[in-house]
Protein backbone atom coordinates (compact mmCIF):
# COMPACT_ATOMS: atom_id res chain seq x y z
CA UNK A 1 68.72 -80.26 20.98
CA UNK A 2 66.15 -83.07 20.93
CA UNK A 3 62.51 -82.88 22.12
CA UNK A 4 61.52 -84.01 25.62
CA UNK A 5 60.42 -87.58 26.07
CA UNK A 6 62.32 -89.15 23.16
CA UNK A 7 65.25 -91.57 23.37
CA UNK A 8 67.52 -92.97 20.69
CA UNK A 9 69.89 -95.89 20.26
CA UNK A 10 71.92 -97.57 17.54
CA UNK A 11 74.04 -100.69 17.18
CA UNK A 12 76.38 -102.25 14.66
CA UNK A 13 74.59 -105.38 13.45
CA UNK A 14 76.94 -105.84 10.45
CA UNK A 15 74.17 -106.05 7.88
CA UNK A 16 76.95 -105.10 5.46
CA UNK A 17 80.74 -105.25 6.05
CA UNK A 18 81.09 -101.65 7.20
CA UNK A 19 82.38 -100.05 10.36
CA UNK A 20 79.30 -98.15 11.52
CA UNK A 21 75.97 -98.55 13.24
CA UNK A 22 73.29 -99.94 10.92
CA UNK A 23 70.22 -100.53 13.09
CA UNK A 24 68.65 -97.66 15.04
CA UNK A 25 65.69 -97.11 17.34
CA UNK A 26 63.65 -94.06 18.39
CA UNK A 27 61.31 -94.47 21.37
CA UNK A 28 58.89 -92.03 22.93
CA UNK A 29 58.16 -92.39 26.63
CA UNK A 30 54.64 -91.12 25.91
CA UNK A 31 52.10 -92.15 23.27
CA UNK A 32 52.45 -90.05 20.13
CA UNK A 33 50.28 -88.73 17.36
CA UNK A 34 51.90 -89.58 14.03
CA UNK A 35 51.86 -88.57 10.39
CA UNK A 36 53.71 -90.01 7.44
CA UNK A 37 54.43 -89.37 3.79
CA UNK A 38 55.46 -92.32 1.65
CA UNK A 39 56.85 -93.02 -1.80
CA UNK A 40 54.48 -92.76 -4.75
CA UNK A 41 56.43 -95.53 -6.50
CA UNK A 42 54.00 -98.39 -7.19
CA UNK A 43 56.76 -100.83 -6.24
CA UNK A 44 56.69 -100.25 -2.49
CA UNK A 45 59.05 -101.94 -0.04
CA UNK A 46 57.70 -104.14 2.76
CA UNK A 47 58.36 -101.57 5.53
CA UNK A 48 56.46 -98.91 3.58
CA UNK A 49 53.45 -101.19 3.21
CA UNK A 50 53.55 -102.06 6.91
CA UNK A 51 53.91 -98.43 8.00
CA UNK A 52 50.98 -97.35 5.83
CA UNK A 53 48.88 -99.93 7.66
CA UNK A 54 50.21 -99.01 11.11
CA UNK A 55 49.58 -95.32 10.40
CA UNK A 56 45.85 -96.04 10.75
CA UNK A 57 46.35 -96.56 14.50
CA UNK A 58 45.52 -93.83 17.03
CA UNK A 59 48.83 -93.73 18.92
CA UNK A 60 52.47 -94.65 18.24
CA UNK A 61 55.62 -95.15 20.25
CA UNK A 62 58.67 -96.13 18.20
CA UNK A 63 60.58 -96.20 14.91
CA UNK A 64 63.03 -99.00 14.04
CA UNK A 65 65.31 -98.34 11.05
CA UNK A 66 68.07 -100.26 9.33
CA UNK A 67 70.52 -99.56 6.51
CA UNK A 68 72.23 -102.01 4.19
CA UNK A 69 69.09 -103.83 3.06
CA UNK A 70 65.95 -102.22 1.60
CA UNK A 71 63.68 -105.24 2.17
CA UNK A 72 62.05 -104.30 -1.15
CA UNK A 73 60.81 -106.78 -3.77
CA UNK A 74 61.02 -109.52 -1.13
CA UNK A 75 57.39 -110.70 -1.29
CA UNK A 76 55.32 -112.02 1.60
CA UNK A 77 58.43 -113.16 3.47
CA UNK A 78 59.78 -109.59 3.42
CA UNK A 79 56.53 -108.21 4.78
CA UNK A 80 56.57 -110.81 7.56
CA UNK A 81 60.14 -109.82 8.42
CA UNK A 82 59.09 -106.17 8.80
CA UNK A 83 56.12 -107.22 10.93
CA UNK A 84 58.31 -109.47 13.09
CA UNK A 85 60.73 -106.59 13.65
CA UNK A 86 57.87 -104.36 14.80
CA UNK A 87 56.59 -107.11 17.10
CA UNK A 88 60.02 -107.49 18.69
CA UNK A 89 60.29 -103.74 19.38
CA UNK A 90 56.76 -103.69 20.80
CA UNK A 91 57.65 -106.49 23.19
CA UNK A 92 60.81 -104.69 24.28
CA UNK A 93 59.19 -101.35 25.14
CA UNK A 94 55.74 -102.60 26.13
CA UNK A 95 53.40 -101.33 23.45
CA UNK A 96 51.18 -102.66 20.68
CA UNK A 97 52.75 -103.84 17.43
CA UNK A 98 50.90 -101.26 15.35
CA UNK A 99 52.45 -98.50 17.50
CA UNK A 100 55.84 -99.31 15.93
CA UNK A 101 57.02 -98.10 12.53
CA UNK A 102 59.88 -99.75 10.65
CA UNK A 103 62.06 -98.41 7.85
CA UNK A 104 64.78 -99.94 5.69
CA UNK A 105 67.22 -98.66 3.09
CA UNK A 106 69.83 -100.35 0.92
CA UNK A 107 69.93 -102.87 -1.91
CA UNK A 108 66.60 -103.95 -3.45
CA UNK A 109 65.72 -107.66 -3.68
CA UNK A 110 67.76 -108.89 -0.73
CA UNK A 111 66.00 -110.53 2.26
CA UNK A 112 66.33 -108.75 5.59
CA UNK A 113 68.92 -110.64 7.71
CA UNK A 114 66.53 -111.30 10.58
CA UNK A 115 69.07 -113.08 12.75
CA UNK A 116 71.11 -109.85 12.82
CA UNK A 117 68.07 -107.65 13.42
CA UNK A 118 66.86 -109.90 16.23
CA UNK A 119 70.35 -110.04 17.70
CA UNK A 120 70.45 -106.25 17.89
CA UNK A 121 67.22 -105.84 19.86
CA UNK A 122 68.56 -106.29 23.38
CA UNK A 123 71.37 -103.77 22.84
CA UNK A 124 69.04 -101.27 21.22
CA UNK A 125 66.79 -101.31 24.26
CA UNK A 126 69.65 -101.21 26.77
CA UNK A 127 71.42 -98.30 25.10
CA UNK A 128 68.47 -95.90 24.76
CA UNK A 129 69.36 -92.32 25.74
CA UNK A 130 68.76 -88.74 24.61
CA UNK A 131 71.78 -88.60 22.26
CA UNK A 132 70.60 -89.16 18.65
CA UNK A 133 74.03 -89.25 16.99
CA UNK A 134 74.25 -93.02 16.66
CA UNK A 135 70.80 -93.17 15.10
CA UNK A 136 71.68 -90.54 12.49
CA UNK A 137 74.66 -92.69 11.45
CA UNK A 138 72.70 -95.95 11.48
CA UNK A 139 70.42 -94.87 8.64
CA UNK A 140 73.27 -93.88 6.29
CA UNK A 141 74.17 -95.88 3.17
CA UNK A 142 76.28 -94.02 0.60
CA UNK A 143 75.84 -90.76 2.53
CA UNK A 144 79.18 -89.26 3.48
CA UNK A 145 77.89 -87.60 6.65
CA UNK A 146 74.91 -87.76 9.04
CA UNK A 147 72.19 -85.16 8.61
CA UNK A 148 70.06 -83.59 11.33
CA UNK A 149 68.36 -80.30 12.13
CA UNK A 150 66.33 -78.78 14.95
CA UNK A 151 64.20 -75.74 15.72
CA UNK A 152 62.73 -74.39 18.94
CA UNK A 153 59.63 -72.21 19.28
CA UNK A 154 57.47 -71.07 22.19
CA UNK A 155 53.90 -72.34 22.15
CA UNK A 156 51.58 -71.43 25.00
CA UNK A 157 54.53 -70.21 27.05
CA UNK A 158 56.33 -73.56 26.73
CA UNK A 159 59.56 -74.12 24.84
CA UNK A 160 58.78 -76.62 22.10
CA UNK A 161 61.34 -78.44 19.95
CA UNK A 162 61.19 -80.03 16.52
CA UNK A 163 64.14 -82.31 15.63
CA UNK A 164 64.73 -84.43 12.57
CA UNK A 165 67.30 -86.53 10.76
CA UNK A 166 67.47 -87.95 7.25
CA UNK A 167 69.46 -90.03 4.81
CA UNK A 168 69.57 -89.75 1.06
CA UNK A 169 72.54 -89.85 -1.37
CA UNK A 170 71.17 -91.55 -4.54
CA UNK A 171 67.75 -92.56 -5.93
CA UNK A 172 66.50 -89.20 -4.73
CA UNK A 173 63.62 -87.46 -6.49
CA UNK A 174 60.27 -85.89 -5.55
CA UNK A 175 57.15 -87.85 -4.61
CA UNK A 176 58.95 -88.60 -2.15
CA UNK A 177 62.34 -87.51 -2.70
CA UNK A 178 66.50 -93.38 -1.37
CA UNK A 179 65.18 -90.92 1.29
CA UNK A 180 64.28 -91.62 4.89
CA UNK A 181 63.37 -88.78 7.23
CA UNK A 182 62.39 -89.07 10.87
CA UNK A 183 61.07 -86.03 12.72
CA UNK A 184 60.02 -85.86 16.36
CA UNK A 185 58.53 -83.07 18.45
CA UNK A 186 57.33 -82.52 22.00
CA UNK A 187 54.50 -80.31 20.77
CA UNK A 188 50.92 -81.34 21.46
CA UNK A 189 49.39 -81.84 18.02
CA UNK A 190 46.47 -84.01 16.94
CA UNK A 191 46.90 -86.62 14.24
CA UNK A 192 44.75 -84.63 11.79
CA UNK A 193 46.68 -81.38 12.26
CA UNK A 194 50.00 -83.22 12.19
CA UNK A 195 49.10 -84.80 8.83
CA UNK A 196 48.27 -81.40 7.32
CA UNK A 197 51.46 -79.83 8.64
CA UNK A 198 53.72 -82.63 7.38
CA UNK A 199 52.17 -82.58 3.91
CA UNK A 200 52.56 -78.81 3.70
CA UNK A 201 56.19 -78.91 4.88
CA UNK A 202 57.05 -81.86 2.65
CA UNK A 203 55.52 -80.35 -0.49
CA UNK A 204 57.71 -77.26 -0.08
CA UNK A 205 60.95 -79.03 0.84
CA UNK A 206 61.53 -82.76 0.26
CA UNK A 207 59.27 -82.75 -2.79
CA UNK A 208 61.19 -79.85 -4.31
CA UNK A 209 64.60 -81.47 -4.23
CA UNK A 210 66.24 -83.89 -6.63
CA UNK A 211 69.58 -85.61 -7.18
CA UNK A 212 69.06 -88.07 -10.01
CA UNK A 213 65.40 -88.33 -11.00
CA UNK A 214 64.76 -91.73 -9.39
CA UNK A 215 61.92 -92.07 -6.89
CA UNK A 216 62.77 -94.89 -4.48
CA UNK A 217 60.77 -97.92 -3.37
CA UNK A 218 61.43 -97.03 0.28
CA UNK A 219 61.01 -93.26 0.61
CA UNK A 220 59.44 -92.46 3.96
CA UNK A 221 59.03 -89.39 6.16
CA UNK A 222 57.60 -89.96 9.63
CA UNK A 223 56.61 -87.33 12.20
CA UNK A 224 55.86 -88.14 15.85
CA UNK A 225 54.46 -85.68 18.40
CA UNK A 226 54.29 -86.69 22.08
CA UNK A 227 53.16 -83.46 23.81
CA UNK A 228 55.89 -83.71 26.46
CA UNK A 229 56.53 -79.95 26.36
CA UNK A 230 53.14 -79.56 28.09
CA UNK A 231 52.15 -76.66 25.85
CA UNK A 232 48.61 -76.01 24.72
CA UNK A 233 47.38 -78.13 21.81
CA UNK A 234 48.29 -76.79 18.38
CA UNK A 235 45.11 -76.16 16.39
CA UNK A 236 44.76 -75.55 12.67
CA UNK A 237 44.53 -71.92 11.54
CA UNK A 238 45.97 -70.46 14.76
CA UNK A 239 49.12 -68.47 15.49
CA UNK A 240 50.44 -71.56 17.28
CA UNK A 241 49.99 -73.59 14.10
CA UNK A 242 51.92 -71.03 12.06
CA UNK A 243 54.77 -71.19 14.58
CA UNK A 244 54.79 -74.97 14.56
CA UNK A 245 54.61 -75.18 10.77
CA UNK A 246 57.44 -72.66 10.44
CA UNK A 247 59.64 -74.74 12.76
CA UNK A 248 58.74 -78.00 11.02
CA UNK A 249 59.29 -76.51 7.55
CA UNK A 250 62.63 -75.09 8.66
CA UNK A 251 63.81 -78.50 9.83
CA UNK A 252 62.62 -80.16 6.60
CA UNK A 253 64.24 -77.44 4.46
CA UNK A 254 67.56 -77.87 6.24
CA UNK A 255 67.42 -81.64 5.81
CA UNK A 256 66.51 -81.33 2.11
CA UNK A 257 69.43 -78.97 1.59
CA UNK A 258 71.83 -81.35 3.34
CA UNK A 259 70.47 -84.33 1.38
CA UNK A 260 71.02 -82.75 -2.01
CA UNK A 261 74.46 -81.39 -1.15
CA UNK A 262 75.54 -84.86 0.03
CA UNK A 263 74.09 -86.70 -2.97
CA UNK A 264 76.18 -89.37 -4.63
CA UNK A 265 79.10 -87.74 -6.41
CA UNK A 266 77.69 -84.24 -5.89
CA UNK A 267 80.15 -81.37 -6.22
CA UNK A 268 77.77 -78.45 -6.65
CA UNK A 269 74.24 -77.47 -5.62
CA UNK A 270 71.80 -75.66 -7.89
CA UNK A 271 68.75 -73.69 -6.81
CA UNK A 272 66.26 -72.54 -9.41
CA UNK A 273 63.68 -69.89 -8.57
CA UNK A 274 60.81 -69.56 -11.04
CA UNK A 275 59.04 -66.22 -10.68
CA UNK A 276 55.98 -64.51 -12.13
CA UNK A 277 54.40 -67.72 -13.41
CA UNK A 278 50.73 -67.91 -14.36
CA UNK A 279 50.02 -70.29 -11.45
CA UNK A 280 51.80 -72.04 -8.59
CA UNK A 281 51.38 -75.33 -10.46
CA UNK A 282 53.07 -73.88 -13.53
CA UNK A 283 55.93 -72.50 -11.45
CA UNK A 284 56.58 -75.90 -9.88
CA UNK A 285 56.42 -77.72 -13.23
CA UNK A 286 58.94 -75.38 -14.85
CA UNK A 287 61.26 -75.52 -11.84
CA UNK A 288 61.08 -79.32 -11.72
CA UNK A 289 61.76 -79.59 -15.45
CA UNK A 290 64.93 -77.53 -15.12
CA UNK A 291 66.10 -79.25 -11.92
CA UNK A 292 65.64 -82.68 -13.47
CA UNK A 293 67.41 -81.97 -16.74
CA UNK A 294 70.55 -84.10 -17.14
CA UNK A 295 71.97 -81.48 -19.49
CA UNK A 296 71.47 -78.73 -16.92
CA UNK A 297 72.96 -80.96 -14.20
CA UNK A 298 76.05 -81.81 -16.26
CA UNK A 299 76.53 -78.13 -17.13
CA UNK A 300 76.35 -77.42 -13.41
CA UNK A 301 79.04 -80.05 -12.81
CA UNK A 302 81.31 -78.45 -15.37
CA UNK A 303 80.72 -74.89 -14.19
CA UNK A 304 79.36 -74.09 -17.65
CA UNK A 305 76.73 -71.29 -17.60
CA UNK A 306 74.78 -72.89 -20.46
CA UNK A 307 71.66 -70.76 -20.30
CA UNK A 308 70.26 -72.42 -23.42
CA UNK A 309 69.74 -75.70 -21.60
CA UNK A 310 67.72 -73.96 -18.90
CA UNK A 311 65.50 -72.09 -21.34
CA UNK A 312 65.07 -75.33 -23.30
CA UNK A 313 63.99 -77.27 -20.17
CA UNK A 314 61.42 -74.57 -19.40
CA UNK A 315 60.13 -74.89 -22.96
CA UNK A 316 59.45 -78.63 -22.72
CA UNK A 317 57.97 -78.49 -19.20
CA UNK A 318 54.44 -78.58 -20.61
CA UNK A 319 53.74 -75.08 -19.32
CA UNK A 320 52.92 -72.26 -21.72
CA UNK A 321 55.94 -69.98 -21.72
CA UNK A 322 56.87 -67.13 -24.06
CA UNK A 323 60.62 -66.85 -24.72
CA UNK A 324 60.37 -63.12 -25.50
CA UNK A 325 58.98 -62.54 -22.00
CA UNK A 326 61.56 -64.63 -20.12
CA UNK A 327 64.44 -63.28 -18.06
CA UNK A 328 67.11 -65.68 -16.80
CA UNK A 329 69.56 -64.63 -14.08
CA UNK A 330 72.63 -66.34 -12.64
CA UNK A 331 73.07 -64.62 -9.31
CA UNK A 332 72.37 -60.97 -10.11
CA UNK A 333 73.52 -61.22 -13.72
CA UNK A 334 70.99 -61.51 -16.55
CA UNK A 335 72.02 -64.09 -19.15
CA UNK A 336 68.87 -64.16 -21.32
CA UNK A 337 66.17 -61.57 -22.00
CA UNK A 338 63.74 -60.61 -24.79
CA UNK A 339 64.27 -63.97 -26.49
CA UNK A 340 68.04 -63.58 -26.92
CA UNK A 341 71.26 -63.75 -24.84
CA UNK A 342 72.39 -60.54 -23.15
CA UNK A 343 75.80 -58.94 -23.49
CA UNK A 344 76.92 -59.94 -19.98
CA UNK A 345 80.45 -61.33 -20.24
CA UNK A 346 80.77 -65.15 -20.32
CA UNK A 347 83.39 -65.01 -17.56
CA UNK A 348 80.98 -63.13 -15.29
CA UNK A 349 78.36 -65.84 -15.77
CA UNK A 350 80.96 -68.59 -15.38
CA UNK A 351 82.06 -67.09 -12.05
CA UNK A 352 78.51 -67.61 -10.77
CA UNK A 353 78.39 -71.17 -12.11
CA UNK A 354 81.57 -72.24 -10.36
CA UNK A 355 80.26 -71.42 -6.89
CA UNK A 356 79.43 -74.27 -4.51
CA UNK A 357 75.78 -73.17 -4.61
CA UNK A 358 74.56 -71.75 -7.89
CA UNK A 359 71.43 -69.59 -7.68
CA UNK A 360 69.35 -69.18 -10.84
CA UNK A 361 66.20 -67.11 -11.38
CA UNK A 362 63.86 -67.60 -14.30
CA UNK A 363 61.27 -64.82 -14.55
CA UNK A 364 58.42 -65.90 -16.82
CA UNK A 365 56.42 -62.65 -16.67
CA UNK A 366 53.15 -64.57 -17.09
CA UNK A 367 51.57 -63.93 -13.67
CA UNK A 368 52.42 -63.63 -9.98
CA UNK A 369 53.12 -67.21 -8.81
CA UNK A 370 56.54 -68.53 -7.84
CA UNK A 371 58.31 -71.72 -6.78
CA UNK A 372 61.83 -72.95 -6.11
CA UNK A 373 63.71 -76.23 -6.47
CA UNK A 374 66.96 -77.68 -5.13
CA UNK A 375 69.03 -79.95 -7.34
CA UNK A 376 72.54 -81.33 -7.67
CA UNK A 377 74.99 -81.76 -10.49
CA UNK A 378 75.70 -85.16 -12.06
CA UNK A 379 79.37 -86.15 -11.96
CA UNK A 380 81.61 -88.96 -13.18
CA UNK A 381 81.67 -90.20 -9.58
CA UNK A 382 77.88 -90.60 -9.57
CA UNK A 383 78.16 -92.92 -12.57
CA UNK A 384 80.99 -94.88 -10.98
CA UNK A 385 79.09 -95.39 -7.71
CA UNK A 386 75.92 -96.56 -9.39
CA UNK A 387 77.50 -98.60 -12.14
CA UNK A 388 78.80 -101.03 -9.51
CA UNK A 389 76.32 -100.54 -6.63
CA UNK A 390 75.55 -104.25 -6.22
CA UNK A 391 78.82 -105.72 -7.49
């Protein structure tokens, strides 16, 4: 279910020789408040730079996205191509250029094929409707399936919907997590409140998920709110805000889960819960250290319950931990306690590690804070895909 007042379209522009849509458009019939979270990589793609500038505007109407070309490391010409794309969309739907966001994903260092983008514009406008399926496919690169999620809550007696889609696969790591996410809602939310909500939801979901430790040049999450549900405005600190944030966080969490599970070459998903840390910051640092460990990720791929690698990753996280206080669980089974391995049978632990989703709990017993992290295994297929990505 998609929010009221939004339309979607997608076309096959053949940016790469593949049999799928690769340029997509989201348009709101009403002006929107917007919020965005962008990559912290200092090498930022042209569309990211343009969107950061456009985000300063008061209202927004559309998102244009393409796959197959990242338009990153393309200099002034690349930035002009992104700007030209936004101008063309603005002319089509009748809005200002800075009301249009653009996003790209694909190979770095390749100019955007503007003749193909321009050639797609007429069809994108003509084919706008409420079905988002084509758009979810258009943003895919090495993803094996489209990813979307939605949630509905009642605000001020009005049914309000939050819907989002995302693409990921490889080059996926926190700050942002190559990830593109587009979320739209018919809730009435101011730009200031929307920014707070997106940051909160992102910090707990997209920024706690990793596939391979690489933060992309193009990572972008955009959130548009058009108020078409005609509910009362969502204000910070209210029950309405809690409802909205819960729905938004649920959509982001579902997308993050789908992104990691569909990472390049992924066969298994890991989830590490760090409990009883001295502070929330410590809990996140330990969880991120474990989730990012190549040795932990390869053990996950092999179904090997190598608890030593997890304890080791906690030890080099930079957080003060005491091995004698730690407890490490795979599922409900304790593998490490009081500074030594337990007597739980290896096969019992291995049975947990061969599940599609492996749940681990590391109890630090240093305080009351907690955090969790999603991560994938690293497989031979991941190496094969990325060893020949351009060739």
